[in-house]
Amino acid sequence: IEVAKIDDMSTKIPGIFVGGEASCISI
């Protein structure tokens, strides 16, 4: 899931935060 802000792993959907394999921040 595309991450909107790396600092808190928030997404474009308010209240949804992602981490690990569910997230995509180009690590």
PDB file of all heavy atoms in Angstrom:
ATOM      1  N   ILE A   1       0.843  -1.184   0.000  1.00  0.00           N
ATOM      2  CA  ILE A   1       0.000   0.000   0.000  1.00  0.00           C
ATOM      3  C   ILE A   1       0.886   1.244   0.000  1.00  0.00           C
ATOM      4  O   ILE A   1       1.827   1.362   0.791  1.00  0.00           O
ATOM      5  CB  ILE A   1      -0.909   0.011   1.240  1.00  0.00           C
ATOM      6  CG1 ILE A   1      -1.793  -1.241   1.244  1.00  0.00           C
ATOM      7  CG2 ILE A   1      -1.777   1.270   1.268  1.00  0.00           C
ATOM      8  CD1 ILE A   1      -2.525  -1.461   2.538  1.00  0.00           C
ATOM      9  N   GLU A   2       0.575   2.166  -0.895  1.00  0.00           N
ATOM     10  CA  GLU A   2       1.377   3.386  -1.006  1.00  0.00           C
ATOM     11  C   GLU A   2       1.293   4.201   0.286  1.00  0.00           C
ATOM     12  O   GLU A   2       0.209   4.475   0.798  1.00  0.00           O
ATOM     13  CB  GLU A   2       0.888   4.230  -2.177  1.00  0.00           C
ATOM     14  CG  GLU A   2       1.706   5.480  -2.415  1.00  0.00           C
ATOM     15  CD  GLU A   2       1.126   6.352  -3.510  1.00  0.00           C
ATOM     16  OE1 GLU A   2       0.019   6.026  -4.007  1.00  0.00           O
ATOM     17  OE2 GLU A   2       1.761   7.363  -3.854  1.00  0.00           O
ATOM     18  N   VAL A   3       2.456   4.589   0.785  1.00  0.00           N
ATOM     19  CA  VAL A   3       2.534   5.389   2.010  1.00  0.00           C
ATOM     20  C   VAL A   3       2.599   6.864   1.646  1.00  0.00           C
ATOM     21  O   VAL A   3       3.384   7.271   0.793  1.00  0.00           O
ATOM     22  CB  VAL A   3       3.765   4.993   2.844  1.00  0.00           C
ATOM     23  CG1 VAL A   3       3.957   5.938   4.018  1.00  0.00           C
ATOM     24  CG2 VAL A   3       3.627   3.562   3.340  1.00  0.00           C
ATOM     25  N   ALA A   4       1.759   7.666   2.279  1.00  0.00           N
ATOM     26  CA  ALA A   4       1.722   9.100   1.985  1.00  0.00           C
ATOM     27  C   ALA A   4       2.790   9.863   2.757  1.00  0.00           C
ATOM     28  O   ALA A   4       3.372  10.820   2.246  1.00  0.00           O
ATOM     29  CB  ALA A   4       0.334   9.658   2.310  1.00  0.00           C
ATOM     30  N   LYS A   5       3.076   9.421   3.990  1.00  0.00           N
ATOM     31  CA  LYS A   5       4.029  10.127   4.840  1.00  0.00           C
ATOM     32  C   LYS A   5       4.877   9.111   5.585  1.00  0.00           C
ATOM     33  O   LYS A   5       4.358   8.354   6.419  1.00  0.00           O
ATOM     34  CB  LYS A   5       3.277  11.031   5.827  1.00  0.00           C
ATOM     35  CG  LYS A   5       4.170  11.938   6.652  1.00  0.00           C
ATOM     36  CD  LYS A   5       3.324  12.805   7.580  1.00  0.00           C
ATOM     37  CE  LYS A   5       4.201  13.689   8.457  1.00  0.00           C
ATOM     38  NZ  LYS A   5       3.386  14.477   9.414  1.00  0.00           N
ATOM     39  N   ILE A   6       6.146   9.102   5.300  1.00  0.00           N
ATOM     40  CA  ILE A   6       7.041   8.096   5.880  1.00  0.00           C
ATOM     41  C   ILE A   6       7.154   8.252   7.397  1.00  0.00           C
ATOM     42  O   ILE A   6       7.313   7.268   8.119  1.00  0.00           O
ATOM     43  CB  ILE A   6       8.438   8.177   5.222  1.00  0.00           C
ATOM     44  CG1 ILE A   6       8.342   7.810   3.739  1.00  0.00           C
ATOM     45  CG2 ILE A   6       9.432   7.268   5.919  1.00  0.00           C
ATOM     46  CD1 ILE A   6       9.642   7.966   2.986  1.00  0.00           C
ATOM     47  N   ASP A   7       7.076   9.481   7.891  1.00  0.00           N
ATOM     48  CA  ASP A   7       7.282   9.728   9.322  1.00  0.00           C
ATOM     49  C   ASP A   7       6.325   8.942  10.205  1.00  0.00           C
ATOM     50  O   ASP A   7       6.674   8.559  11.328  1.00  0.00           O
ATOM     51  CB  ASP A   7       7.120  11.227   9.630  1.00  0.00           C
ATOM     52  CG  ASP A   7       8.206  12.062   8.966  1.00  0.00           C
ATOM     53  OD1 ASP A   7       9.191  11.467   8.483  1.00  0.00           O
ATOM     54  OD2 ASP A   7       8.070  13.296   8.903  1.00  0.00           O
ATOM     55  N   ASP A   8       5.093   8.724   9.733  1.00  0.00           N
ATOM     56  CA  ASP A   8       4.128   8.010  10.564  1.00  0.00           C
ATOM     57  C   ASP A   8       3.463   6.835   9.831  1.00  0.00           C
ATOM     58  O   ASP A   8       2.544   6.218  10.356  1.00  0.00           O
ATOM     59  CB  ASP A   8       3.056   8.967  11.097  1.00  0.00           C
ATOM     60  CG  ASP A   8       2.267   9.643   9.981  1.00  0.00           C
ATOM     61  OD1 ASP A   8       2.465   9.288   8.794  1.00  0.00           O
ATOM     62  OD2 ASP A   8       1.440  10.528  10.286  1.00  0.00           O
ATOM     63  N   MET A   9       3.927   6.555   8.577  1.00  0.00           N
ATOM     64  CA  MET A   9       3.413   5.442   7.769  1.00  0.00           C
ATOM     65  C   MET A   9       1.916   5.566   7.523  1.00  0.00           C
ATOM     66  O   MET A   9       1.195   4.581   7.425  1.00  0.00           O
ATOM     67  CB  MET A   9       3.730   4.091   8.431  1.00  0.00           C
ATOM     68  CG  MET A   9       5.221   3.826   8.616  1.00  0.00           C
ATOM     69  SD  MET A   9       6.153   3.819   7.077  1.00  0.00           S
ATOM     70  CE  MET A   9       5.569   2.319   6.313  1.00  0.00           C
ATOM     71  N   SER A  10       1.447   6.807   7.406  1.00  0.00           N
ATOM     72  CA  SER A  10       0.037   7.028   7.087  1.00  0.00           C
ATOM     73  C   SER A  10      -0.177   6.862   5.587  1.00  0.00           C
ATOM     74  O   SER A  10       0.754   6.961   4.783  1.00  0.00           O
ATOM     75  CB  SER A  10      -0.393   8.427   7.531  1.00  0.00           C
ATOM     76  OG  SER A  10       0.441   9.418   6.923  1.00  0.00           O
ATOM     77  N   THR A  11      -1.418   6.594   5.211  1.00  0.00           N
ATOM     78  CA  THR A  11      -1.778   6.430   3.804  1.00  0.00           C
ATOM     79  C   THR A  11      -2.705   7.570   3.378  1.00  0.00           C
ATOM     80  O   THR A  11      -3.012   8.464   4.171  1.00  0.00           O
ATOM     81  CB  THR A  11      -2.495   5.083   3.584  1.00  0.00           C
ATOM     82  OG1 THR A  11      -3.770   5.115   4.232  1.00  0.00           O
ATOM     83  CG2 THR A  11      -1.673   3.929   4.145  1.00  0.00           C
ATOM     84  N   LYS A  12      -3.169   7.488   2.140  1.00  0.00           N
ATOM     85  CA  LYS A  12      -4.086   8.514   1.658  1.00  0.00           C
ATOM     86  C   LYS A  12      -5.478   8.376   2.274  1.00  0.00           C
ATOM     87  O   LYS A  12      -6.312   9.266   2.151  1.00  0.00           O
ATOM     88  CB  LYS A  12      -4.175   8.452   0.137  1.00  0.00           C
ATOM     89  CG  LYS A  12      -2.879   8.846  -0.567  1.00  0.00           C
ATOM     90  CD  LYS A  12      -3.004   8.741  -2.074  1.00  0.00           C
ATOM     91  CE  LYS A  12      -1.702   9.149  -2.754  1.00  0.00           C
ATOM     92  NZ  LYS A  12      -1.794   9.043  -4.238  1.00  0.00           N
ATOM     93  N   ILE A  13      -5.711   7.223   2.922  1.00  0.00           N
ATOM     94  CA  ILE A  13      -6.997   6.998   3.596  1.00  0.00           C
ATOM     95  C   ILE A  13      -6.842   7.367   5.069  1.00  0.00           C
ATOM     96  O   ILE A  13      -6.047   6.741   5.776  1.00  0.00           O
ATOM     97  CB  ILE A  13      -7.438   5.527   3.472  1.00  0.00           C
ATOM     98  CG1 ILE A  13      -7.517   5.120   1.997  1.00  0.00           C
ATOM     99  CG2 ILE A  13      -8.776   5.305   4.158  1.00  0.00           C
ATOM    100  CD1 ILE A  13      -7.802   3.649   1.786  1.00  0.00           C
ATOM    101  N   PRO A  14      -7.542   8.379   5.554  1.00  0.00           N
ATOM    102  CA  PRO A  14      -7.403   8.798   6.953  1.00  0.00           C
ATOM    103  C   PRO A  14      -7.641   7.643   7.924  1.00  0.00           C
ATOM    104  O   PRO A  14      -8.612   6.900   7.796  1.00  0.00           O
ATOM    105  CB  PRO A  14      -8.481   9.873   7.107  1.00  0.00           C
ATOM    106  CG  PRO A  14      -8.702  10.392   5.723  1.00  0.00           C
ATOM    107  CD  PRO A  14      -8.529   9.211   4.824  1.00  0.00           C
ATOM    108  N   GLY A  15      -6.725   7.500   8.884  1.00  0.00           N
ATOM    109  CA  GLY A  15      -6.883   6.472   9.904  1.00  0.00           C
ATOM    110  C   GLY A  15      -6.276   5.132   9.548  1.00  0.00           C
ATOM    111  O   GLY A  15      -6.259   4.224  10.377  1.00  0.00           O
ATOM    112  N   ILE A  16      -5.757   4.985   8.319  1.00  0.00           N
ATOM    113  CA  ILE A  16      -5.132   3.730   7.905  1.00  0.00           C
ATOM    114  C   ILE A  16      -3.625   3.917   7.894  1.00  0.00           C
ATOM    115  O   ILE A  16      -3.092   4.778   7.185  1.00  0.00           O
ATOM    116  CB  ILE A  16      -5.619   3.279   6.511  1.00  0.00           C
ATOM    117  CG1 ILE A  16      -7.129   3.054   6.517  1.00  0.00           C
ATOM    118  CG2 ILE A  16      -4.889   2.019   6.072  1.00  0.00           C
ATOM    119  CD1 ILE A  16      -7.590   1.931   7.424  1.00  0.00           C
ATOM    120  N   PHE A  17      -2.936   3.089   8.673  1.00  0.00           N
ATOM    121  CA  PHE A  17      -1.478   3.117   8.752  1.00  0.00           C
ATOM    122  C   PHE A  17      -0.948   1.721   8.407  1.00  0.00           C
ATOM    123  O   PHE A  17      -1.575   0.718   8.765  1.00  0.00           O
ATOM    124  CB  PHE A  17      -1.025   3.507  10.164  1.00  0.00           C
ATOM    125  CG  PHE A  17      -1.483   4.886  10.568  1.00  0.00           C
ATOM    126  CD1 PHE A  17      -2.784   5.098  11.007  1.00  0.00           C
ATOM    127  CD2 PHE A  17      -0.629   5.975  10.512  1.00  0.00           C
ATOM    128  CE1 PHE A  17      -3.233   6.359  11.373  1.00  0.00           C
ATOM    129  CE2 PHE A  17      -1.066   7.249  10.875  1.00  0.00           C
ATOM    130  CZ  PHE A  17      -2.371   7.432  11.308  1.00  0.00           C
ATOM    131  N   VAL A  18       0.163   1.658   7.694  1.00  0.00           N
ATOM    132  CA  VAL A  18       0.666   0.362   7.242  1.00  0.00           C
ATOM    133  C   VAL A  18       2.143   0.187   7.583  1.00  0.00           C
ATOM    134  O   VAL A  18       2.890   1.161   7.710  1.00  0.00           O
ATOM    135  CB  VAL A  18       0.474   0.184   5.717  1.00  0.00           C
ATOM    136  CG1 VAL A  18      -0.991   0.057   5.372  1.00  0.00           C
ATOM    137  CG2 VAL A  18       1.111   1.330   4.942  1.00  0.00           C
ATOM    138  N   GLY A  19       2.545  -1.068   7.744  1.00  0.00           N
ATOM    139  CA  GLY A  19       3.939  -1.356   8.026  1.00  0.00           C
ATOM    140  C   GLY A  19       4.314  -2.724   7.484  1.00  0.00           C
ATOM    141  O   GLY A  19       3.446  -3.518   7.091  1.00  0.00           O
ATOM    142  N   GLY A  20       5.598  -3.016   7.458  1.00  0.00           N
ATOM    143  CA  GLY A  20       6.064  -4.323   6.998  1.00  0.00           C
ATOM    144  C   GLY A  20       5.754  -4.561   5.537  1.00  0.00           C
ATOM    145  O   GLY A  20       5.763  -3.636   4.721  1.00  0.00           O
ATOM    146  N   GLU A  21       5.438  -5.810   5.209  1.00  0.00           N
ATOM    147  CA  GLU A  21       5.182  -6.169   3.817  1.00  0.00           C
ATOM    148  C   GLU A  21       3.917  -5.520   3.264  1.00  0.00           C
ATOM    149  O   GLU A  21       3.730  -5.462   2.048  1.00  0.00           O
ATOM    150  CB  GLU A  21       5.066  -7.687   3.668  1.00  0.00           C
ATOM    151  CG  GLU A  21       6.391  -8.409   3.752  1.00  0.00           C
ATOM    152  CD  GLU A  21       6.250  -9.903   3.490  1.00  0.00           C
ATOM    153  OE1 GLU A  21       5.974 -10.284   2.336  1.00  0.00           O
ATOM    154  OE2 GLU A  21       6.400 -10.688   4.448  1.00  0.00           O
ATOM    155  N   ALA A  22       3.044  -5.047   4.133  1.00  0.00           N
ATOM    156  CA  ALA A  22       1.824  -4.399   3.655  1.00  0.00           C
ATOM    157  C   ALA A  22       2.108  -3.000   3.126  1.00  0.00           C
ATOM    158  O   ALA A  22       1.281  -2.415   2.435  1.00  0.00           O
ATOM    159  CB  ALA A  22       0.795  -4.318   4.786  1.00  0.00           C
ATOM    160  N   SER A  23       3.274  -2.455   3.437  1.00  0.00           N
ATOM    161  CA  SER A  23       3.595  -1.076   3.072  1.00  0.00           C
ATOM    162  C   SER A  23       4.553  -1.013   1.896  1.00  0.00           C
ATOM    163  O   SER A  23       5.233  -1.987   1.570  1.00  0.00           O
ATOM    164  CB  SER A  23       4.227  -0.356   4.272  1.00  0.00           C
ATOM    165  OG  SER A  23       5.486  -0.940   4.589  1.00  0.00           O
ATOM    166  N   CYS A  24       4.578   0.134   1.236  1.00  0.00           N
ATOM    167  CA  CYS A  24       5.527   0.352   0.146  1.00  0.00           C
ATOM    168  C   CYS A  24       6.104   1.752   0.282  1.00  0.00           C
ATOM    169  O   CYS A  24       5.457   2.744  -0.042  1.00  0.00           O
ATOM    170  CB  CYS A  24       4.856   0.185  -1.212  1.00  0.00           C
ATOM    171  SG  CYS A  24       6.029   0.258  -2.578  1.00  0.00           S
ATOM    172  N   ILE A  25       7.347   1.837   0.779  1.00  0.00           N
ATOM    173  CA  ILE A  25       8.026   3.132   0.891  1.00  0.00           C
ATOM    174  C   ILE A  25       9.402   3.081   0.253  1.00  0.00           C
ATOM    175  O   ILE A  25      10.291   3.835   0.588  1.00  0.00           O
ATOM    176  CB  ILE A  25       8.137   3.583   2.368  1.00  0.00           C
ATOM    177  CG1 ILE A  25       8.841   2.522   3.208  1.00  0.00           C
ATOM    178  CG2 ILE A  25       6.797   3.922   2.947  1.00  0.00           C
ATOM    179  CD1 ILE A  25       9.208   3.023   4.587  1.00  0.00           C
ATOM    180  N   SER A  26       9.575   2.132  -0.679  1.00  0.00           N
ATOM    181  CA  SER A  26      10.791   2.043  -1.489  1.00  0.00           C
ATOM    182  C   SER A  26      12.036   1.674  -0.679  1.00  0.00           C
ATOM    183  O   SER A  26      13.144   2.064  -1.022  1.00  0.00           O
ATOM    184  CB  SER A  26      11.036   3.363  -2.238  1.00  0.00           C
ATOM    185  OG  SER A  26      11.958   3.174  -3.282  1.00  0.00           O
ATOM    186  N   ILE A  27      11.848   0.918   0.390  1.00  0.00           N
ATOM    187  CA  ILE A  27      13.013   0.378   1.089  1.00  0.00           C
ATOM    188  C   ILE A  27      13.752  -0.603   0.187  1.00  0.00           C
ATOM    189  O   ILE A  27      14.970  -0.664   0.171  1.00  0.00           O
ATOM    190  CB  ILE A  27      12.591  -0.329   2.397  1.00  0.00           C
ATOM    191  CG1 ILE A  27      12.205   0.697   3.454  1.00  0.00           C
ATOM    192  CG2 ILE A  27      13.705  -1.214   2.927  1.00  0.00           C
ATOM    193  CD1 ILE A  27      11.739   0.091   4.751  1.00  0.00           C
TER     194      ILE A  27
END
